[in-house]
PDB file of N, CA and C in Angstrom:
ATOM      1  N   MET A   1     -53.770   3.316  19.898  1.00  0.00           N
ATOM      2  CA  MET A   1     -52.837   4.107  18.934  1.00  0.00           C
ATOM      3  C   MET A   1     -52.176   3.299  17.942  1.00  0.00           C
ATOM      4  N   VAL A   2     -52.575   3.754  16.393  1.00  0.00           N
ATOM      5  CA  VAL A   2     -52.116   3.148  15.154  1.00  0.00           C
ATOM      6  C   VAL A   2     -51.452   4.173  14.418  1.00  0.00           C
ATOM      7  N   VAL A   3     -50.164   4.053  14.672  1.00  0.00           N
ATOM      8  CA  VAL A   3     -49.421   5.028  14.130  1.00  0.00           C
ATOM      9  C   VAL A   3     -49.057   4.706  12.423  1.00  0.00           C
ATOM     10  N   SER A   4     -48.836   5.543  11.732  1.00  0.00           N
ATOM     11  CA  SER A   4     -48.827   5.460  10.097  1.00  0.00           C
ATOM     12  C   SER A   4     -47.373   5.524   9.684  1.00  0.00           C
ATOM     13  N   ARG A   5     -46.844   4.176   9.075  1.00  0.00           N
ATOM     14  CA  ARG A   5     -45.855   4.358   8.945  1.00  0.00           C
ATOM     15  C   ARG A   5     -45.099   4.692   7.463  1.00  0.00           C
ATOM     16  N   ARG A   6     -46.353   5.228   6.908  1.00  0.00           N
ATOM     17  CA  ARG A   6     -46.451   5.607   5.346  1.00  0.00           C
ATOM     18  C   ARG A   6     -45.414   6.922   5.308  1.00  0.00           C
ATOM     19  N   ALA A   7     -45.006   6.735   4.115  1.00  0.00           N
ATOM     20  CA  ALA A   7     -44.381   8.146   4.039  1.00  0.00           C
ATOM     21  C   ALA A   7     -45.222   9.500   3.577  1.00  0.00           C
ATOM     22  N   GLY A   8     -44.998  10.455   3.651  1.00  0.00           N
ATOM     23  CA  GLY A   8     -45.508  11.473   2.937  1.00  0.00           C
ATOM     24  C   GLY A   8     -46.017  12.430   4.258  1.00  0.00           C
ATOM     25  N   PRO A   9     -46.547  13.676   3.671  1.00  0.00           N
ATOM     26  CA  PRO A   9     -46.925  14.767   4.377  1.00  0.00           C
ATOM     27  C   PRO A   9     -48.187  14.515   5.509  1.00  0.00           C
ATOM     28  N   SER A  10     -49.495  13.578   4.502  1.00  0.00           N
ATOM     29  CA  SER A  10     -50.222  13.053   5.331  1.00  0.00           C
ATOM     30  C   SER A  10     -50.209  12.265   6.439  1.00  0.00           C
ATOM     31  N   ALA A  11     -49.115  11.433   6.458  1.00  0.00           N
ATOM     32  CA  ALA A  11     -48.994  10.302   7.661  1.00  0.00           C
ATOM     33  C   ALA A  11     -48.417  11.333   8.554  1.00  0.00           C
ATOM     34  N   ASN A  12     -47.203  12.336   8.114  1.00  0.00           N
ATOM     35  CA  ASN A  12     -46.798  12.661   9.376  1.00  0.00           C
ATOM     36  C   ASN A  12     -47.592  13.670   9.953  1.00  0.00           C
ATOM     37  N   ALA A  13     -48.677  14.011   9.447  1.00  0.00           N
ATOM     38  CA  ALA A  13     -49.474  15.062  10.152  1.00  0.00           C
ATOM     39  C   ALA A  13     -50.455  14.051  10.968  1.00  0.00           C
ATOM     40  N   HIS A  14     -50.766  12.808  10.680  1.00  0.00           N
ATOM     41  CA  HIS A  14     -51.562  12.223  11.402  1.00  0.00           C
ATOM     42  C   HIS A  14     -50.813  11.519  12.380  1.00  0.00           C
ATOM     43  N   ASN A  15     -50.003  10.992  12.572  1.00  0.00           N
ATOM     44  CA  ASN A  15     -48.852  10.908  13.381  1.00  0.00           C
ATOM     45  C   ASN A  15     -48.823  12.083  14.642  1.00  0.00           C
ATOM     46  N   THR A  16     -48.591  13.311  14.264  1.00  0.00           N
ATOM     47  CA  THR A  16     -47.873  14.134  15.119  1.00  0.00           C
ATOM     48  C   THR A  16     -49.501  14.174  15.654  1.00  0.00           C
ATOM     49  N   GLN A  17     -50.778  14.302  15.020  1.00  0.00           N
ATOM     50  CA  GLN A  17     -51.897  14.776  15.505  1.00  0.00           C
ATOM     51  C   GLN A  17     -52.320  13.410  16.535  1.00  0.00           C
ATOM     52  N   LEU A  18     -52.039  12.134  16.243  1.00  0.00           N
ATOM     53  CA  LEU A  18     -52.275  11.372  17.519  1.00  0.00           C
ATOM     54  C   LEU A  18     -51.281  11.547  18.538  1.00  0.00           C
ATOM     55  N   VAL A  19     -50.004  11.909  18.195  1.00  0.00           N
ATOM     56  CA  VAL A  19     -49.211  11.955  19.490  1.00  0.00           C
ATOM     57  C   VAL A  19     -49.680  13.528  20.391  1.00  0.00           C
ATOM     58  N   GLN A  20     -50.232  14.329  19.996  1.00  0.00           N
ATOM     59  CA  GLN A  20     -50.778  15.305  20.536  1.00  0.00           C
ATOM     60  C   GLN A  20     -52.005  15.111  21.216  1.00  0.00           C
ATOM     61  N   THR A  21     -52.628  14.133  21.004  1.00  0.00           N
ATOM     62  CA  THR A  21     -54.109  13.564  21.327  1.00  0.00           C
ATOM     63  C   THR A  21     -53.549  12.691  22.574  1.00  0.00           C
ATOM     64  N   CYS A  22     -52.650  11.803  22.503  1.00  0.00           N
ATOM     65  CA  CYS A  22     -52.111  11.216  23.713  1.00  0.00           C
ATOM     66  C   CYS A  22     -51.592  11.984  24.976  1.00  0.00           C
ATOM     67  N   ARG A  23     -50.813  12.898  24.491  1.00  0.00           N
ATOM     68  CA  ARG A  23     -50.620  13.910  25.532  1.00  0.00           C
ATOM     69  C   ARG A  23     -51.303  14.476  25.942  1.00  0.00           C
ATOM     70  N   THR A  24     -52.470  15.199  25.744  1.00  0.00           N
ATOM     71  CA  THR A  24     -54.038  15.724  26.149  1.00  0.00           C
ATOM     72  C   THR A  24     -54.504  14.424  27.020  1.00  0.00           C
ATOM     73  N   PHE A  25     -54.650  13.434  26.504  1.00  0.00           N
ATOM     74  CA  PHE A  25     -55.166  12.534  27.550  1.00  0.00           C
ATOM     75  C   PHE A  25     -54.919  12.104  28.617  1.00  0.00           C
ATOM     76  N   ALA A  26     -53.580  12.002  28.486  1.00  0.00           N
ATOM     77  CA  ALA A  26     -52.425  11.647  29.608  1.00  0.00           C
ATOM     78  C   ALA A  26     -52.862  12.902  30.644  1.00  0.00           C
ATOM     79  N   THR A  27     -52.448  13.994  30.292  1.00  0.00           N
ATOM     80  CA  THR A  27     -52.373  15.126  31.267  1.00  0.00           C
ATOM     81  C   THR A  27     -53.849  15.070  31.843  1.00  0.00           C
ATOM     82  N   VAL A  28     -55.023  14.986  31.318  1.00  0.00           N
ATOM     83  CA  VAL A  28     -56.035  14.978  31.771  1.00  0.00           C
ATOM     84  C   VAL A  28     -56.164  14.121  32.839  1.00  0.00           C
ATOM     85  N   VAL A  29     -55.883  12.735  32.729  1.00  0.00           N
ATOM     86  CA  VAL A  29     -55.947  11.299  33.501  1.00  0.00           C
ATOM     87  C   VAL A  29     -54.851  11.962  34.562  1.00  0.00           C
ATOM     88  N   GLY A  30     -53.549  12.488  34.239  1.00  0.00           N
ATOM     89  CA  GLY A  30     -52.669  12.647  35.244  1.00  0.00           C
ATOM     90  C   GLY A  30     -53.201  13.615  36.388  1.00  0.00           C
ATOM     91  N   GLY A  31     -53.731  15.087  35.675  1.00  0.00           N
ATOM     92  CA  GLY A  31     -53.970  15.977  36.554  1.00  0.00           C
ATOM     93  C   GLY A  31     -55.211  15.340  37.402  1.00  0.00           C
ATOM     94  N   ALA A  32     -56.228  14.168  37.103  1.00  0.00           N
ATOM     95  CA  ALA A  32     -57.175  14.006  37.939  1.00  0.00           C
ATOM     96  C   ALA A  32     -56.727  13.143  38.857  1.00  0.00           C
ATOM     97  N   THR A  33     -55.683  12.319  38.679  1.00  0.00           N
ATOM     98  CA  THR A  33     -54.840  11.517  39.547  1.00  0.00           C
ATOM     99  C   THR A  33     -54.214  11.925  40.390  1.00  0.00           C
ATOM    100  N   ALA A  34     -53.563  13.100  39.804  1.00  0.00           N
ATOM    101  CA  ALA A  34     -52.900  14.085  41.281  1.00  0.00           C
ATOM    102  C   ALA A  34     -53.729  14.755  41.997  1.00  0.00           C
ATOM    103  N   GLY A  35     -54.974  15.315  41.426  1.00  0.00           N
ATOM    104  CA  GLY A  35     -56.008  15.597  42.390  1.00  0.00           C
ATOM    105  C   GLY A  35     -56.468  14.865  43.525  1.00  0.00           C
ATOM    106  N   ILE A  36     -56.798  13.824  43.031  1.00  0.00           N
ATOM    107  CA  ILE A  36     -57.207  12.530  43.816  1.00  0.00           C
ATOM    108  C   ILE A  36     -56.134  12.084  44.839  1.00  0.00           C
ATOM    109  N   LEU A  37     -54.731  12.209  44.408  1.00  0.00           N
ATOM    110  CA  LEU A  37     -53.801  12.063  45.438  1.00  0.00           C
ATOM    111  C   LEU A  37     -53.823  13.098  46.456  1.00  0.00           C
ATOM    112  N   GLY A  38     -53.843  14.133  46.169  1.00  0.00           N
ATOM    113  CA  GLY A  38     -53.901  15.298  46.804  1.00  0.00           C
ATOM    114  C   GLY A  38     -51.953  15.857  46.645  1.00  0.00           C
ATOM    115  N   VAL A  39     -51.596  15.471  45.647  1.00  0.00           N
ATOM    116  CA  VAL A  39     -50.098  16.041  45.017  1.00  0.00           C
ATOM    117  C   VAL A  39     -50.373  17.662  44.973  1.00  0.00           C
ATOM    118  N   ARG A  40     -49.422  18.218  45.810  1.00  0.00           N
ATOM    119  CA  ARG A  40     -49.550  19.601  45.581  1.00  0.00           C
ATOM    120  C   ARG A  40     -47.813  19.970  45.533  1.00  0.00           C
ATOM    121  N   GLY A  41     -47.992  21.484  45.273  1.00  0.00           N
ATOM    122  CA  GLY A  41     -46.661  22.148  45.069  1.00  0.00           C
ATOM    123  C   GLY A  41     -45.546  21.230  44.284  1.00  0.00           C
ATOM    124  N   ILE A  42     -44.223  21.459  44.860  1.00  0.00           N
ATOM    125  CA  ILE A  42     -43.019  20.966  43.691  1.00  0.00           C
ATOM    126  C   ILE A  42     -43.276  19.323  43.353  1.00  0.00           C
ATOM    127  N   TYR A  43     -44.189  18.771  44.411  1.00  0.00           N
ATOM    128  CA  TYR A  43     -44.746  17.471  43.979  1.00  0.00           C
ATOM    129  C   TYR A  43     -45.344  17.209  42.526  1.00  0.00           C
ATOM    130  N   GLY A  44     -46.192  18.397  42.577  1.00  0.00           N
ATOM    131  CA  GLY A  44     -47.322  18.397  41.506  1.00  0.00           C
ATOM    132  C   GLY A  44     -46.416  18.393  40.347  1.00  0.00           C
ATOM    133  N   ILE A  45     -45.419  19.507  40.323  1.00  0.00           N
ATOM    134  CA  ILE A  45     -44.704  19.931  39.168  1.00  0.00           C
ATOM    135  C   ILE A  45     -43.687  18.529  38.488  1.00  0.00           C
ATOM    136  N   LEU A  46     -43.296  17.852  39.378  1.00  0.00           N
ATOM    137  CA  LEU A  46     -42.627  16.554  39.333  1.00  0.00           C
ATOM    138  C   LEU A  46     -43.453  15.759  38.785  1.00  0.00           C
ATOM    139  N   PHE A  47     -44.635  15.476  39.389  1.00  0.00           N
ATOM    140  CA  PHE A  47     -45.508  14.436  38.733  1.00  0.00           C
ATOM    141  C   PHE A  47     -45.751  14.777  37.184  1.00  0.00           C
ATOM    142  N   TYR A  48     -46.418  16.095  37.007  1.00  0.00           N
ATOM    143  CA  TYR A  48     -46.475  16.359  35.574  1.00  0.00           C
ATOM    144  C   TYR A  48     -45.455  16.013  34.355  1.00  0.00           C
ATOM    145  N   LEU A  49     -44.070  16.272  35.259  1.00  0.00           N
ATOM    146  CA  LEU A  49     -43.033  16.339  34.266  1.00  0.00           C
ATOM    147  C   LEU A  49     -42.500  14.650  34.015  1.00  0.00           C
ATOM    148  N   VAL A  50     -42.781  13.761  35.174  1.00  0.00           N
ATOM    149  CA  VAL A  50     -42.796  12.605  34.763  1.00  0.00           C
ATOM    150  C   VAL A  50     -43.784  11.769  34.128  1.00  0.00           C
ATOM    151  N   LEU A  51     -45.093  12.519  34.162  1.00  0.00           N
ATOM    152  CA  LEU A  51     -46.071  12.141  33.384  1.00  0.00           C
ATOM    153  C   LEU A  51     -45.884  12.499  31.874  1.00  0.00           C
ATOM    154  N   VAL A  52     -45.239  13.607  31.455  1.00  0.00           N
ATOM    155  CA  VAL A  52     -44.815  14.022  30.116  1.00  0.00           C
ATOM    156  C   VAL A  52     -43.820  13.021  29.369  1.00  0.00           C
ATOM    157  N   ALA A  53     -42.616  13.052  30.352  1.00  0.00           N
ATOM    158  CA  ALA A  53     -41.527  11.941  29.861  1.00  0.00           C
ATOM    159  C   ALA A  53     -42.077  10.373  30.025  1.00  0.00           C
ATOM    160  N   ALA A  54     -43.261   9.963  30.769  1.00  0.00           N
ATOM    161  CA  ALA A  54     -43.934   8.601  30.331  1.00  0.00           C
ATOM    162  C   ALA A  54     -44.462   8.567  29.391  1.00  0.00           C
ATOM    163  N   THR A  55     -45.414   9.535  28.706  1.00  0.00           N
ATOM    164  CA  THR A  55     -46.188   9.749  27.522  1.00  0.00           C
ATOM    165  C   THR A  55     -45.214   9.639  25.985  1.00  0.00           C
ATOM    166  N   ALA A  56     -44.180  10.468  26.536  1.00  0.00           N
ATOM    167  CA  ALA A  56     -42.989  10.290  25.540  1.00  0.00           C
ATOM    168  C   ALA A  56     -42.303   8.844  25.415  1.00  0.00           C
ATOM    169  N   ALA A  57     -42.360   8.212  26.557  1.00  0.00           N
ATOM    170  CA  ALA A  57     -41.429   6.731  26.241  1.00  0.00           C
ATOM    171  C   ALA A  57     -42.452   5.965  25.939  1.00  0.00           C
ATOM    172  N   VAL A  58     -43.998   5.761  26.246  1.00  0.00           N
ATOM    173  CA  VAL A  58     -45.028   5.221  25.830  1.00  0.00           C
ATOM    174  C   VAL A  58     -45.196   5.379  24.354  1.00  0.00           C
ATOM    175  N   VAL A  59     -45.032   6.368  23.584  1.00  0.00           N
ATOM    176  CA  VAL A  59     -45.203   6.863  22.469  1.00  0.00           C
ATOM    177  C   VAL A  59     -43.801   6.313  21.426  1.00  0.00           C
ATOM    178  N   LEU A  60     -42.625   6.581  21.900  1.00  0.00           N
ATOM    179  CA  LEU A  60     -41.555   6.012  21.360  1.00  0.00           C
ATOM    180  C   LEU A  60     -41.687   4.209  21.396  1.00  0.00           C
ATOM    181  N   PHE A  61     -41.936   3.805  22.490  1.00  0.00           N
ATOM    182  CA  PHE A  61     -42.119   2.224  22.508  1.00  0.00           C
ATOM    183  C   PHE A  61     -43.144   1.850  21.510  1.00  0.00           C
ATOM    184  N   LYS A  62     -44.278   2.713  21.263  1.00  0.00           N
ATOM    185  CA  LYS A  62     -45.335   2.214  20.110  1.00  0.00           C
ATOM    186  C   LYS A  62     -44.442   2.222  18.735  1.00  0.00           C
ATOM    187  N   ALA A  63     -43.962   2.998  18.903  1.00  0.00           N
ATOM    188  CA  ALA A  63     -43.060   3.669  17.540  1.00  0.00           C
ATOM    189  C   ALA A  63     -41.940   2.506  17.170  1.00  0.00           C
ATOM    190  N   SER A  64     -41.918   1.482  17.959  1.00  0.00           N
ATOM    191  CA  SER A  64     -40.944   0.703  18.018  1.00  0.00           C
ATOM    192  C   SER A  64     -39.160   0.983  18.285  1.00  0.00           C
ATOM    193  N   GLY A  65     -39.361   2.143  18.804  1.00  0.00           N
ATOM    194  CA  GLY A  65     -37.844   2.770  19.017  1.00  0.00           C
ATOM    195  C   GLY A  65     -37.379   3.598  17.615  1.00  0.00           C
ATOM    196  N   ALA A  66     -38.065   3.682  16.265  1.00  0.00           N
ATOM    197  CA  ALA A  66     -37.667   3.932  15.273  1.00  0.00           C
ATOM    198  C   ALA A  66     -38.984   5.322  14.995  1.00  0.00           C
ATOM    199  N   ALA A  67     -38.433   6.241  15.821  1.00  0.00           N
ATOM    200  CA  ALA A  67     -39.289   7.371  15.669  1.00  0.00           C
ATOM    201  C   ALA A  67     -39.235   7.977  14.354  1.00  0.00           C
ATOM    202  N   ALA A  68     -37.776   8.040  13.757  1.00  0.00           N
ATOM    203  CA  ALA A  68     -37.596   8.910  12.255  1.00  0.00           C
ATOM    204  C   ALA A  68     -38.491   8.136  11.217  1.00  0.00           C
ATOM    205  N   ALA A  69     -38.842   6.895  11.619  1.00  0.00           N
ATOM    206  CA  ALA A  69     -39.584   6.331  10.340  1.00  0.00           C
ATOM    207  C   ALA A  69     -41.052   6.778  10.902  1.00  0.00           C
ATOM    208  N   TYR A  70     -41.619   7.436  11.574  1.00  0.00           N
ATOM    209  CA  TYR A  70     -42.766   8.061  11.638  1.00  0.00           C
ATOM    210  C   TYR A  70     -42.918   9.188  11.677  1.00  0.00           C
ATOM    211  N   TRP A  71     -42.298  10.231  12.116  1.00  0.00           N
ATOM    212  CA  TRP A  71     -41.953  11.560  11.665  1.00  0.00           C
ATOM    213  C   TRP A  71     -40.504  12.110  11.089  1.00  0.00           C
ATOM    214  N   HIS A  72     -40.836  13.417  10.867  1.00  0.00           N
ATOM    215  CA  HIS A  72     -39.769  13.719   9.779  1.00  0.00           C
ATOM    216  C   HIS A  72     -39.029  14.552  11.250  1.00  0.00           C
ATOM    217  N   HIS A  73     -39.317  15.040  12.050  1.00  0.00           N
ATOM    218  CA  HIS A  73     -38.628  15.587  13.005  1.00  0.00           C
ATOM    219  C   HIS A  73     -39.055  14.794  14.229  1.00  0.00           C
ATOM    220  N   PRO A  74     -38.458  14.016  14.420  1.00  0.00           N
ATOM    221  CA  PRO A  74     -38.918  13.021  15.851  1.00  0.00           C
ATOM    222  C   PRO A  74     -38.379  14.081  16.960  1.00  0.00           C
ATOM    223  N   ALA A  75     -37.585  14.659  17.269  1.00  0.00           N
ATOM    224  CA  ALA A  75     -37.192  15.515  18.401  1.00  0.00           C
ATOM    225  C   ALA A  75     -38.129  16.830  18.873  1.00  0.00           C
ATOM    226  N   ALA A  76     -38.764  17.088  17.730  1.00  0.00           N
ATOM    227  CA  ALA A  76     -40.035  18.013  18.007  1.00  0.00           C
ATOM    228  C   ALA A  76     -41.126  17.376  18.336  1.00  0.00           C
ATOM    229  N   VAL A  77     -41.420  16.232  17.869  1.00  0.00           N
ATOM    230  CA  VAL A  77     -42.413  15.327  18.480  1.00  0.00           C
ATOM    231  C   VAL A  77     -42.365  15.015  20.069  1.00  0.00           C
ATOM    232  N   LEU A  78     -41.333  14.222  20.214  1.00  0.00           N
ATOM    233  CA  LEU A  78     -41.243  13.759  21.392  1.00  0.00           C
ATOM    234  C   LEU A  78     -40.096  14.373  22.306  1.00  0.00           C
ATOM    235  N   GLY A  79     -39.627  15.639  22.160  1.00  0.00           N
ATOM    236  CA  GLY A  79     -38.994  16.304  23.003  1.00  0.00           C
ATOM    237  C   GLY A  79     -39.469  17.043  24.011  1.00  0.00           C
ATOM    238  N   GLY A  80     -38.665  17.648  24.966  1.00  0.00           N
ATOM    239  CA  GLY A  80     -39.081  18.044  26.318  1.00  0.00           C
ATOM    240  C   GLY A  80     -39.849  19.452  26.365  1.00  0.00           C
ATOM    241  N   ALA A  81     -39.794  19.840  25.135  1.00  0.00           N
ATOM    242  CA  ALA A  81     -40.664  21.062  24.822  1.00  0.00           C
ATOM    243  C   ALA A  81     -42.301  20.922  25.103  1.00  0.00           C
ATOM    244  N   ALA A  82     -42.737  19.730  24.701  1.00  0.00           N
ATOM    245  CA  ALA A  82     -43.991  19.361  24.898  1.00  0.00           C
ATOM    246  C   ALA A  82     -44.348  19.163  26.381  1.00  0.00           C
ATOM    247  N   ALA A  83     -43.633  19.480  27.287  1.00  0.00           N
ATOM    248  CA  ALA A  83     -43.835  19.932  28.817  1.00  0.00           C
ATOM    249  C   ALA A  83     -44.092  21.148  29.159  1.00  0.00           C
ATOM    250  N   TYR A  84     -44.077  22.530  27.871  1.00  0.00           N
ATOM    251  CA  TYR A  84     -44.035  23.704  28.319  1.00  0.00           C
ATOM    252  C   TYR A  84     -45.533  24.013  27.361  1.00  0.00           C
ATOM    253  N   GLU A  85     -46.039  23.134  26.734  1.00  0.00           N
ATOM    254  CA  GLU A  85     -46.915  23.558  25.925  1.00  0.00           C
ATOM    255  C   GLU A  85     -48.360  23.970  26.883  1.00  0.00           C
ATOM    256  N   ARG A  86     -48.702  25.107  26.548  1.00  0.00           N
ATOM    257  CA  ARG A  86     -49.858  25.838  27.221  1.00  0.00           C
ATOM    258  C   ARG A  86     -51.339  24.991  27.565  1.00  0.00           C
ATOM    259  N   PRO A  87     -51.604  24.715  26.230  1.00  0.00           N
ATOM    260  CA  PRO A  87     -52.797  23.562  26.493  1.00  0.00           C
ATOM    261  C   PRO A  87     -52.837  22.483  27.300  1.00  0.00           C
ATOM    262  N   LEU A  88     -51.600  21.867  27.451  1.00  0.00           N
ATOM    263  CA  LEU A  88     -51.222  20.923  28.067  1.00  0.00           C
ATOM    264  C   LEU A  88     -51.099  21.048  29.559  1.00  0.00           C
ATOM    265  N   LEU A  89     -50.543  22.099  29.809  1.00  0.00           N
ATOM    266  CA  LEU A  89     -50.402  22.728  31.592  1.00  0.00           C
ATOM    267  C   LEU A  89     -51.657  23.033  32.039  1.00  0.00           C
ATOM    268  N   LEU A  90     -52.419  23.774  31.148  1.00  0.00           N
ATOM    269  CA  LEU A  90     -53.901  24.315  31.713  1.00  0.00           C
ATOM    270  C   LEU A  90     -54.752  23.093  31.895  1.00  0.00           C
ATOM    271  N   SER A  91     -54.850  21.997  30.664  1.00  0.00           N
ATOM    272  CA  SER A  91     -55.401  20.931  31.000  1.00  0.00           C
ATOM    273  C   SER A  91     -55.016  20.088  32.503  1.00  0.00           C
ATOM    274  N   TYR A  92     -54.020  20.092  32.440  1.00  0.00           N
ATOM    275  CA  TYR A  92     -53.626  19.528  33.933  1.00  0.00           C
ATOM    276  C   TYR A  92     -53.890  20.347  35.108  1.00  0.00           C
ATOM    277  N   LEU A  93     -53.567  21.357  34.997  1.00  0.00           N
ATOM    278  CA  LEU A  93     -54.341  22.169  36.173  1.00  0.00           C
ATOM    279  C   LEU A  93     -55.709  22.454  36.421  1.00  0.00           C
ATOM    280  N   LEU A  94     -56.362  22.201  35.616  1.00  0.00           N
ATOM    281  CA  LEU A  94     -57.876  22.535  35.371  1.00  0.00           C
ATOM    282  C   LEU A  94     -58.144  20.814  36.019  1.00  0.00           C
ATOM    283  N   PHE A  95     -58.115  19.759  35.552  1.00  0.00           N
ATOM    284  CA  PHE A  95     -58.223  18.713  36.153  1.00  0.00           C
ATOM    285  C   PHE A  95     -57.979  18.222  37.634  1.00  0.00           C
ATOM    286  N   TRP A  96     -56.543  18.621  37.694  1.00  0.00           N
ATOM    287  CA  TRP A  96     -56.063  18.790  39.168  1.00  0.00           C
ATOM    288  C   TRP A  96     -57.161  19.568  40.189  1.00  0.00           C
ATOM    289  N   SER A  97     -57.024  20.830  39.556  1.00  0.00           N
ATOM    290  CA  SER A  97     -57.900  21.502  40.760  1.00  0.00           C
ATOM    291  C   SER A  97     -59.402  21.123  40.654  1.00  0.00           C
ATOM    292  N   LEU A  98     -60.103  20.466  39.922  1.00  0.00           N
ATOM    293  CA  LEU A  98     -61.515  19.922  39.961  1.00  0.00           C
ATOM    294  C   LEU A  98     -61.400  18.903  40.845  1.00  0.00           C
ATOM    295  N   PHE A  99     -60.716  17.783  40.639  1.00  0.00           N
ATOM    296  CA  PHE A  99     -60.485  16.870  41.318  1.00  0.00           C
ATOM    297  C   PHE A  99     -60.062  16.687  42.905  1.00  0.00           C
ATOM    298  N   TYR A 100     -58.900  17.737  42.830  1.00  0.00           N
ATOM    299  CA  TYR A 100     -58.378  18.303  44.300  1.00  0.00           C
ATOM    300  C   TYR A 100     -59.600  18.618  45.088  1.00  0.00           C
ATOM    301  N   SER A 101     -60.532  19.811  44.724  1.00  0.00           N
ATOM    302  CA  SER A 101     -61.400  20.484  44.788  1.00  0.00           C
ATOM    303  C   SER A 101     -62.602  19.522  45.480  1.00  0.00           C
ATOM    304  N   ALA A 102     -62.916  18.415  44.691  1.00  0.00           N
ATOM    305  CA  ALA A 102     -64.033  17.333  44.874  1.00  0.00           C
ATOM    306  C   ALA A 102     -63.540  16.623  46.120  1.00  0.00           C
ATOM    307  N   VAL A 103     -62.446  15.923  46.083  1.00  0.00           N
ATOM    308  CA  VAL A 103     -62.006  15.185  46.915  1.00  0.00           C
ATOM    309  C   VAL A 103     -61.360  15.687  48.177  1.00  0.00           C
ATOM    310  N   HIS A 104     -60.739  16.792  47.971  1.00  0.00           N
ATOM    311  CA  HIS A 104     -60.383  17.074  49.578  1.00  0.00           C
ATOM    312  C   HIS A 104     -60.813  18.233  50.063  1.00  0.00           C
ATOM    313  N   LEU A 105     -61.479  18.999  49.400  1.00  0.00           N
ATOM    314  CA  LEU A 105     -62.124  19.924  49.803  1.00  0.00           C
ATOM    315  C   LEU A 105     -63.837  20.184  50.470  1.00  0.00           C
ATOM    316  N   TYR A 106     -64.399  19.294  49.443  1.00  0.00           N
ATOM    317  CA  TYR A 106     -65.704  18.808  50.029  1.00  0.00           C
ATOM    318  C   TYR A 106     -66.204  18.016  50.674  1.00  0.00           C
TER     319      TYR A 106
END
């Protein structure tokens, strides 16, 4: 993951797209992990929320704690609203159900 510290809209768009790619990858891997471990119910929701928080923490760590230098609105990029994005939730559920079914039902 290489974030760009240059100023300008193209760097901001690049960094935002990079964070979205990292979130998608994390939800796919997290959904597969939760499915293999057999996490269900409220624990599955908590697993997802911890996953989203950990992804934001890793991105913030990679940005050396200075998110304002990489994004115009860092709260929008790293905020809690990311947990409610429909594609991320659906990716998590898809890979959870796939791996849960493959490991625990068959």
